[in-house]
Amino acid sequence: MPSDLESDSGEDSAPETSPSTQQKAPSSGPNLGNDEIIDHGDEHEGDFVRATFTPSAAAALDERQSRLQCRMYEQKFPEVDQLVMANVRQIADMGAYVQLLEYNNIEGMILLSELSRRRIRSIQKLIRVGRNEVVVVLRVDREKGYIDLSKRRVSAEDVAKCEEKFNKSKAVHSIMRHVAEKVDANLEDLLEKYCWPLYQKYNHAYDAFKIAINDPEAVFGGLDIPEEIKKTLVSNIRRRLTPQPVKIRADVEVTCYGYEGIDAIKTALQAGEACSTEDVPIKVKLVAPPMYFVMTNSLDKTSGIEQMEKALVAIEESITKNAGELRIRMKPKVVSASDDAELAKLLAQVERENAEISGDEDDSDNEKAAVDEE
């Protein structure tokens, strides 16, 4: 653990005995009632009637749900000093009861003294029911299932690292759960045979899945995996993890009042487009002189912005040679759908204004022609 997680005040002394060893939080899991509203379909023309779940139907549903429940990792409990993602379920006098999301919602407790380094005036400001919190494991009693946790020993760097790992694990778990549903298999069996072994070779199964998008044999070739499961798994990986291109845009003004004028501007903009690569194609679009949009689509945000910045440098170098100027109104950045909508609205407005100007010129020409005829 990082040094800032170590004891640095009297408050950081050995953690007190967890009340979780004496009392467990009330279960907040869903309950199946005896009565459910069901649709009998064509038999009653779509009318809904009240029916009773038979014990066998309820048992079958419970069994199906249990087959799709499992922890995300091979080990059943987290290790001491490990960072984990916890969801706050209940706040008590002695601390907060939480569920560990990566370990099939097993219960843990954040002791009151482990919530904050500072004096606690309002526990509600530190932690809230329903919120996810990154915590570190202090103690684990595997026999009794008690896990003591700390929030105050977690640094900002720890939070970022744990959130990244959790998001990867959640994506992998979601894919495997969907595959288990599709092939009607036990989720834990699929994880044990085809997912958890990947953590040893690739550090995280998510990284292996990313490779499998383009080369599934490199990842799953060494595993004894049935063709149906393999096909379903690869299909889900490609559908969920294939990266989507991001749109990157920069707004610039390019002017040149020298002898070359418009030709110098065209040459400069072409120099910017010449910085295109196969992965980062760059296009320049006229808004209204002297405003231009420099745009690209890229699967990688960082490389896309870097290539756009190179294009702007090329435009500036070219235009300044001819006594022109480049002004950057908006640096290269990822734009959203709302930004695209605003762009389309702006371009439509410019077209309308240009059409109005063109119409005024036509009217002026007609009036002049009429005067000449008189």
Protein backbone atom coordinates (compact mmCIF):
# COMPACT_ATOMS: atom_id res chain seq x y z
CA MET A 1 0.00 0.00 0.00
CA PRO A 2 1.21 3.59 -0.56
CA SER A 3 2.93 5.24 2.39
CA ASP A 4 0.11 7.74 2.87
CA LEU A 5 -2.11 4.85 3.87
CA GLU A 6 0.03 4.17 6.93
CA SER A 7 -0.72 5.50 10.40
CA ASP A 8 0.14 9.19 10.74
CA SER A 9 -1.81 10.26 13.82
CA GLY A 10 -3.21 8.94 17.04
CA GLU A 11 -6.41 8.29 15.14
CA ASP A 12 -4.51 5.82 12.97
CA SER A 13 -3.71 3.41 15.75
CA ALA A 14 -4.68 -0.25 15.53
CA PRO A 15 -8.29 -0.50 14.37
CA GLU A 16 -10.91 -1.28 16.97
CA THR A 17 -12.74 -4.57 17.00
CA SER A 18 -15.45 -4.53 14.38
CA PRO A 19 -19.05 -4.55 15.58
CA SER A 20 -19.63 -6.74 12.56
CA THR A 21 -18.34 -9.62 14.65
CA GLN A 22 -21.33 -9.15 16.91
CA GLN A 23 -24.15 -8.16 14.60
CA LYS A 24 -24.81 -8.46 10.89
CA ALA A 25 -26.75 -5.87 8.93
CA PRO A 26 -30.33 -6.76 8.01
CA SER A 27 -30.54 -8.34 4.60
CA SER A 28 -31.55 -5.89 1.87
CA GLY A 29 -31.83 -8.46 -0.90
CA PRO A 30 -34.96 -8.80 -3.02
CA ASN A 31 -37.78 -11.02 -1.77
CA LEU A 32 -40.09 -13.02 -3.95
CA GLY A 33 -43.66 -12.48 -2.86
CA ASN A 34 -46.25 -15.21 -2.99
CA ASP A 35 -48.33 -13.29 -5.53
CA GLU A 36 -47.18 -11.92 -8.87
CA ILE A 37 -48.99 -10.25 -11.79
CA ILE A 38 -48.56 -12.43 -14.87
CA ASP A 39 -49.81 -12.22 -18.45
CA HIS A 40 -51.64 -15.28 -19.76
CA GLY A 41 -51.30 -14.05 -23.33
CA ASP A 42 -53.91 -14.90 -25.95
CA GLU A 43 -55.93 -17.01 -23.53
CA HIS A 44 -57.26 -13.88 -21.83
CA GLU A 45 -56.76 -11.40 -24.69
CA GLY A 46 -53.87 -9.72 -22.88
CA ASP A 47 -55.79 -9.17 -19.62
CA PHE A 48 -53.66 -9.30 -16.51
CA VAL A 49 -54.83 -11.53 -13.67
CA ARG A 50 -53.42 -12.30 -10.26
CA ALA A 51 -51.83 -15.72 -9.99
CA THR A 52 -49.81 -17.51 -7.40
CA PHE A 53 -46.22 -18.65 -7.87
CA THR A 54 -46.04 -22.38 -7.26
CA PRO A 55 -43.16 -23.52 -5.03
CA SER A 56 -41.61 -25.37 -7.98
CA ALA A 57 -41.71 -22.26 -10.22
CA ALA A 58 -40.19 -20.09 -7.51
CA ALA A 59 -37.50 -22.70 -6.88
CA ALA A 60 -36.69 -22.90 -10.59
CA LEU A 61 -36.37 -19.11 -10.77
CA ASP A 62 -34.15 -19.03 -7.68
CA GLU A 63 -31.95 -21.77 -9.13
CA ARG A 64 -31.58 -19.94 -12.45
CA GLN A 65 -30.65 -16.70 -10.71
CA SER A 66 -28.16 -18.44 -8.43
CA ARG A 67 -26.42 -19.98 -11.45
CA LEU A 68 -25.79 -16.45 -12.77
CA GLN A 69 -24.36 -15.10 -9.50
CA CYS A 70 -20.65 -15.25 -8.81
CA ARG A 71 -17.71 -13.17 -7.63
CA MET A 72 -15.56 -11.47 -10.25
CA TYR A 73 -12.23 -13.01 -9.22
CA GLU A 74 -10.96 -16.50 -8.46
CA GLN A 75 -10.30 -15.87 -4.76
CA LYS A 76 -13.46 -15.89 -2.64
CA PHE A 77 -12.29 -13.15 -0.26
CA PRO A 78 -10.12 -10.07 -0.78
CA GLU A 79 -6.65 -9.92 0.73
CA VAL A 80 -5.57 -7.58 3.53
CA ASP A 81 -4.40 -4.19 2.13
CA GLN A 82 -6.31 -4.81 -1.11
CA LEU A 83 -8.38 -1.99 -2.60
CA VAL A 84 -12.00 -2.95 -3.26
CA MET A 85 -15.19 -1.26 -4.48
CA ALA A 86 -17.94 -1.20 -1.87
CA ASN A 87 -21.58 -0.15 -2.05
CA VAL A 88 -22.95 1.42 1.13
CA ARG A 89 -26.06 -0.42 2.33
CA GLN A 90 -26.65 0.86 5.87
CA ILE A 91 -25.20 3.45 8.25
CA ALA A 92 -25.11 2.45 11.93
CA ASP A 93 -23.77 4.03 15.14
CA MET A 94 -20.46 2.20 14.91
CA GLY A 95 -19.89 2.52 11.16
CA ALA A 96 -21.26 1.65 7.76
CA TYR A 97 -22.29 -1.75 6.43
CA VAL A 98 -21.29 -2.26 2.79
CA GLN A 99 -21.39 -4.90 0.08
CA LEU A 100 -18.22 -5.73 -1.85
CA LEU A 101 -19.30 -5.52 -5.48
CA GLU A 102 -16.39 -7.55 -6.84
CA TYR A 103 -17.01 -10.42 -4.41
CA ASN A 104 -20.66 -11.22 -5.09
CA ASN A 105 -21.88 -8.60 -2.61
CA ILE A 106 -20.43 -10.20 0.52
CA GLU A 107 -20.78 -7.93 3.52
CA GLY A 108 -18.09 -5.77 5.07
CA MET A 109 -17.96 -2.92 7.55
CA ILE A 110 -16.25 0.46 7.55
CA LEU A 111 -15.59 1.32 11.18
CA LEU A 112 -16.57 4.82 12.28
CA SER A 113 -12.95 5.63 13.13
CA GLU A 114 -11.92 4.53 9.62
CA LEU A 115 -14.23 6.88 7.73
CA SER A 116 -12.09 10.03 7.80
CA ARG A 117 -8.75 11.39 8.99
CA ARG A 118 -10.51 14.49 10.26
CA ARG A 119 -12.99 14.89 13.09
CA ILE A 120 -16.39 13.56 12.04
CA ARG A 121 -19.14 16.13 12.53
CA SER A 122 -21.69 14.68 10.12
CA ILE A 123 -21.39 11.09 8.96
CA GLN A 124 -23.91 11.81 6.18
CA LYS A 125 -21.43 14.18 4.55
CA LEU A 126 -18.76 11.50 4.49
CA ILE A 127 -20.73 8.52 3.29
CA ARG A 128 -24.22 7.91 1.92
CA VAL A 129 -26.39 4.85 1.45
CA GLY A 130 -26.34 3.68 -2.16
CA ARG A 131 -23.03 5.29 -3.05
CA ASN A 132 -19.99 3.32 -4.19
CA GLU A 133 -16.80 3.88 -2.18
CA VAL A 134 -13.23 2.73 -2.70
CA VAL A 135 -11.99 1.17 0.54
CA VAL A 136 -8.99 -0.83 1.71
CA VAL A 137 -9.21 -4.17 3.53
CA LEU A 138 -7.98 -4.15 7.14
CA ARG A 139 -8.96 -7.63 8.35
CA VAL A 140 -10.61 -10.73 6.93
CA ASP A 141 -12.17 -13.52 8.97
CA ARG A 142 -12.83 -16.19 6.35
CA GLU A 143 -14.53 -18.57 8.77
CA LYS A 144 -17.10 -16.08 10.02
CA GLY A 145 -17.18 -14.00 6.83
CA TYR A 146 -16.33 -10.71 8.57
CA ILE A 147 -14.40 -8.08 6.64
CA ASP A 148 -13.23 -4.81 8.22
CA LEU A 149 -12.55 -1.90 5.87
CA SER A 150 -11.15 1.62 5.88
CA LYS A 151 -12.04 4.64 3.79
CA ARG A 152 -9.67 7.17 5.35
CA ARG A 153 -6.55 5.18 4.44
CA VAL A 154 -7.34 5.45 0.72
CA SER A 155 -5.55 8.14 -1.32
CA ALA A 156 -6.81 9.87 -4.47
CA GLU A 157 -4.33 7.78 -6.47
CA ASP A 158 -5.75 4.61 -4.93
CA VAL A 159 -9.28 5.67 -5.88
CA ALA A 160 -8.34 6.17 -9.54
CA LYS A 161 -6.50 2.83 -9.67
CA CYS A 162 -9.34 0.90 -8.05
CA GLU A 163 -12.01 2.52 -10.23
CA GLU A 164 -10.08 1.58 -13.38
CA LYS A 165 -9.74 -2.03 -12.25
CA PHE A 166 -13.39 -2.22 -11.17
CA ASN A 167 -14.66 -0.86 -14.50
CA LYS A 168 -12.59 -3.45 -16.37
CA SER A 169 -13.78 -6.27 -14.12
CA LYS A 170 -17.39 -5.16 -14.41
CA ALA A 171 -17.17 -5.21 -18.22
CA VAL A 172 -15.65 -8.71 -18.21
CA HIS A 173 -18.22 -10.00 -15.70
CA SER A 174 -21.12 -8.57 -17.71
CA ILE A 175 -19.89 -10.32 -20.86
CA MET A 176 -19.43 -13.65 -19.10
CA ARG A 177 -22.84 -13.43 -17.43
CA HIS A 178 -24.50 -12.78 -20.78
CA VAL A 179 -22.68 -15.77 -22.28
CA ALA A 180 -23.83 -17.96 -19.37
CA GLU A 181 -27.43 -16.91 -20.05
CA LYS A 182 -27.10 -17.58 -23.78
CA VAL A 183 -25.62 -21.06 -23.47
CA ASP A 184 -27.56 -21.92 -20.29
CA ALA A 185 -24.44 -22.59 -18.24
CA ASN A 186 -23.30 -21.96 -14.69
CA LEU A 187 -21.49 -18.60 -14.54
CA GLU A 188 -18.88 -19.76 -12.04
CA ASP A 189 -18.01 -22.75 -14.24
CA LEU A 190 -17.45 -20.47 -17.25
CA LEU A 191 -15.34 -18.06 -15.22
CA GLU A 192 -13.25 -20.86 -13.74
CA LYS A 193 -12.52 -22.50 -17.10
CA TYR A 194 -12.34 -19.65 -19.61
CA CYS A 195 -11.89 -16.35 -17.78
CA TRP A 196 -9.93 -16.55 -14.53
CA PRO A 197 -6.94 -18.31 -16.19
CA LEU A 198 -6.54 -15.19 -18.37
CA TYR A 199 -5.69 -13.06 -15.31
CA GLN A 200 -2.45 -14.98 -14.84
CA LYS A 201 -1.31 -14.56 -18.44
CA TYR A 202 -2.60 -11.07 -19.26
CA ASN A 203 -2.75 -9.46 -15.78
CA HIS A 204 -6.45 -8.76 -16.36
CA ALA A 205 -9.03 -10.65 -18.43
CA TYR A 206 -10.16 -7.32 -19.91
CA ASP A 207 -6.78 -6.92 -21.62
CA ALA A 208 -7.10 -10.45 -23.01
CA PHE A 209 -10.60 -9.71 -24.30
CA LYS A 210 -9.32 -6.61 -26.10
CA ILE A 211 -6.78 -8.77 -27.94
CA ALA A 212 -9.50 -11.32 -28.72
CA ILE A 213 -11.43 -8.71 -30.70
CA ASN A 214 -9.02 -9.16 -33.61
CA ASP A 215 -7.25 -12.40 -32.71
CA PRO A 216 -9.46 -14.74 -30.66
CA GLU A 217 -7.23 -17.75 -31.33
CA ALA A 218 -4.29 -16.05 -29.63
CA VAL A 219 -6.35 -15.75 -26.45
CA PHE A 220 -8.61 -18.81 -26.43
CA GLY A 221 -6.57 -21.19 -28.60
CA GLY A 222 -4.92 -22.81 -25.59
CA LEU A 223 -8.20 -23.35 -23.73
CA ASP A 224 -10.40 -26.41 -24.13
CA ILE A 225 -13.51 -24.40 -24.95
CA PRO A 226 -16.56 -25.76 -26.83
CA GLU A 227 -17.18 -24.08 -30.19
CA GLU A 228 -20.64 -22.81 -29.21
CA ILE A 229 -19.35 -21.10 -26.08
CA LYS A 230 -16.33 -19.73 -27.92
CA LYS A 231 -18.46 -18.31 -30.72
CA THR A 232 -20.89 -16.69 -28.26
CA LEU A 233 -18.06 -15.30 -26.15
CA VAL A 234 -16.14 -13.77 -29.06
CA SER A 235 -19.34 -12.29 -30.47
CA ASN A 236 -20.13 -10.60 -27.16
CA ILE A 237 -16.58 -9.34 -26.76
CA ARG A 238 -16.59 -7.75 -30.20
CA ARG A 239 -20.00 -6.19 -29.70
CA ARG A 240 -19.20 -4.68 -26.32
CA LEU A 241 -15.49 -3.89 -26.40
CA THR A 242 -14.79 -2.80 -29.99
CA PRO A 243 -13.66 0.82 -29.57
CA GLN A 244 -15.83 3.53 -31.10
CA PRO A 245 -14.16 6.46 -32.87
CA VAL A 246 -14.23 9.83 -31.14
CA LYS A 247 -14.76 13.10 -32.99
CA ILE A 248 -12.08 15.74 -32.48
CA ARG A 249 -12.39 19.34 -33.65
CA ALA A 250 -10.44 22.59 -33.58
CA ASP A 251 -11.82 26.02 -34.54
CA VAL A 252 -9.38 28.34 -36.30
CA GLU A 253 -9.29 31.62 -38.19
CA VAL A 254 -6.92 31.80 -41.17
CA THR A 255 -6.28 35.16 -42.84
CA CYS A 256 -3.84 36.48 -45.42
CA TYR A 257 -3.85 40.04 -46.74
CA GLY A 258 -0.64 39.61 -48.70
CA TYR A 259 -0.17 39.23 -52.45
CA GLU A 260 -1.00 35.48 -52.44
CA GLY A 261 -4.24 36.04 -50.52
CA ILE A 262 -6.76 33.23 -50.96
CA ASP A 263 -4.20 30.98 -52.65
CA ALA A 264 -1.97 31.17 -49.58
CA ILE A 265 -4.92 30.20 -47.37
CA LYS A 266 -5.76 27.22 -49.58
CA THR A 267 -2.14 26.07 -49.54
CA ALA A 268 -1.99 26.34 -45.74
CA LEU A 269 -5.19 24.36 -45.23
CA GLN A 270 -3.97 21.69 -47.63
CA ALA A 271 -0.77 21.46 -45.59
CA GLY A 272 -2.91 20.73 -42.54
CA GLU A 273 -4.86 18.00 -44.33
CA ALA A 274 -1.57 16.52 -45.52
CA CYS A 275 -0.85 15.61 -41.89
CA SER A 276 -3.55 12.93 -42.14
CA THR A 277 -2.68 9.33 -41.38
CA GLU A 278 -4.60 6.14 -42.03
CA ASP A 279 -5.85 6.12 -38.44
CA VAL A 280 -6.34 9.89 -38.14
CA PRO A 281 -7.75 11.42 -41.36
CA ILE A 282 -7.88 15.22 -41.09
CA LYS A 283 -10.41 17.38 -42.91
CA VAL A 284 -10.84 21.16 -43.01
CA LYS A 285 -14.32 22.64 -43.38
CA LEU A 286 -15.14 26.27 -44.15
CA VAL A 287 -17.66 27.87 -41.81
CA ALA A 288 -17.48 31.47 -43.03
CA PRO A 289 -14.26 33.30 -43.89
CA PRO A 290 -11.99 33.49 -41.98
CA MET A 291 -13.42 30.71 -39.71
CA TYR A 292 -12.57 27.05 -40.41
CA PHE A 293 -13.14 23.77 -38.57
CA VAL A 294 -10.28 21.25 -38.51
CA MET A 295 -11.81 17.83 -37.79
CA THR A 296 -10.98 14.15 -37.49
CA ASN A 297 -12.34 10.82 -36.22
CA SER A 298 -9.96 8.64 -34.25
CA LEU A 299 -10.17 5.43 -32.22
CA ASP A 300 -7.55 6.85 -29.88
CA LYS A 301 -8.24 10.22 -28.31
CA THR A 302 -4.62 10.99 -27.42
CA SER A 303 -3.13 10.20 -30.83
CA GLY A 304 -6.00 12.02 -32.53
CA ILE A 305 -5.38 15.23 -30.61
CA GLU A 306 -1.62 14.96 -31.17
CA GLN A 307 -2.11 14.62 -34.93
CA MET A 308 -4.52 17.56 -34.96
CA GLU A 309 -1.95 19.71 -33.17
CA LYS A 310 0.62 18.78 -35.82
CA ALA A 311 -1.86 19.84 -38.51
CA LEU A 312 -2.34 23.24 -36.86
CA VAL A 313 1.42 23.73 -36.71
CA ALA A 314 1.66 22.91 -40.43
CA ILE A 315 -1.11 25.40 -41.25
CA GLU A 316 0.56 28.13 -39.21
CA GLU A 317 4.00 27.56 -40.75
CA SER A 318 2.55 27.70 -44.27
CA ILE A 319 0.40 30.79 -43.80
CA THR A 320 3.06 32.84 -41.98
CA LYS A 321 5.43 32.35 -44.93
CA ASN A 322 2.99 34.43 -46.97
CA ALA A 323 2.44 37.15 -44.33
CA GLY A 324 -0.77 35.50 -43.13
CA GLU A 325 -1.99 34.59 -39.66
CA LEU A 326 -3.54 31.63 -37.84
CA ARG A 327 -5.68 32.20 -34.76
CA ILE A 328 -6.85 29.20 -32.75
CA ARG A 329 -10.32 29.88 -31.37
CA MET A 330 -10.73 26.39 -29.88
CA LYS A 331 -7.90 23.95 -29.30
CA PRO A 332 -8.36 20.36 -30.50
CA LYS A 333 -10.80 18.53 -28.23
CA VAL A 334 -13.30 15.69 -28.29
CA VAL A 335 -16.74 16.93 -29.27
CA SER A 336 -20.04 15.36 -28.27
CA ALA A 337 -23.32 14.82 -30.10
CA SER A 338 -24.60 18.12 -28.71
CA ASP A 339 -21.53 19.87 -30.13
CA ASP A 340 -22.29 18.30 -33.51
CA ALA A 341 -25.87 19.55 -33.27
CA GLU A 342 -24.64 23.08 -32.56
CA LEU A 343 -22.23 22.80 -35.48
CA ALA A 344 -25.01 21.74 -37.85
CA LYS A 345 -27.16 24.63 -36.60
CA LEU A 346 -24.29 27.09 -37.13
CA LEU A 347 -23.60 25.84 -40.66
CA ALA A 348 -27.31 26.08 -41.52
CA GLN A 349 -27.39 29.64 -40.22
CA VAL A 350 -24.34 30.58 -42.30
CA GLU A 351 -25.96 29.08 -45.41
CA ARG A 352 -29.13 31.09 -44.80
CA GLU A 353 -27.16 34.30 -44.34
CA ASN A 354 -25.20 33.63 -47.52
CA ALA A 355 -28.43 32.96 -49.39
CA GLU A 356 -29.89 36.24 -48.13
CA ILE A 357 -26.79 38.15 -49.21
CA SER A 358 -26.94 36.48 -52.62
CA GLY A 359 -30.61 37.41 -52.91
CA ASP A 360 -29.89 41.03 -52.04
CA GLU A 361 -27.19 41.15 -54.72
CA ASP A 362 -29.59 39.73 -57.31
CA ASP A 363 -32.21 42.33 -56.40
CA SER A 364 -29.61 45.06 -56.66
CA ASP A 365 -28.52 43.83 -60.10
CA ASN A 366 -32.13 43.73 -61.31
CA GLU A 367 -32.77 47.26 -60.08
CA LYS A 368 -29.63 48.49 -61.81
CA ALA A 369 -30.64 46.78 -65.05
CA ALA A 370 -34.09 48.39 -64.89
CA VAL A 371 -32.55 51.85 -64.41
CA ASP A 372 -30.23 51.30 -67.37
CA GLU A 373 -33.19 50.33 -69.58
CA GLU A 374 -35.01 53.54 -68.63
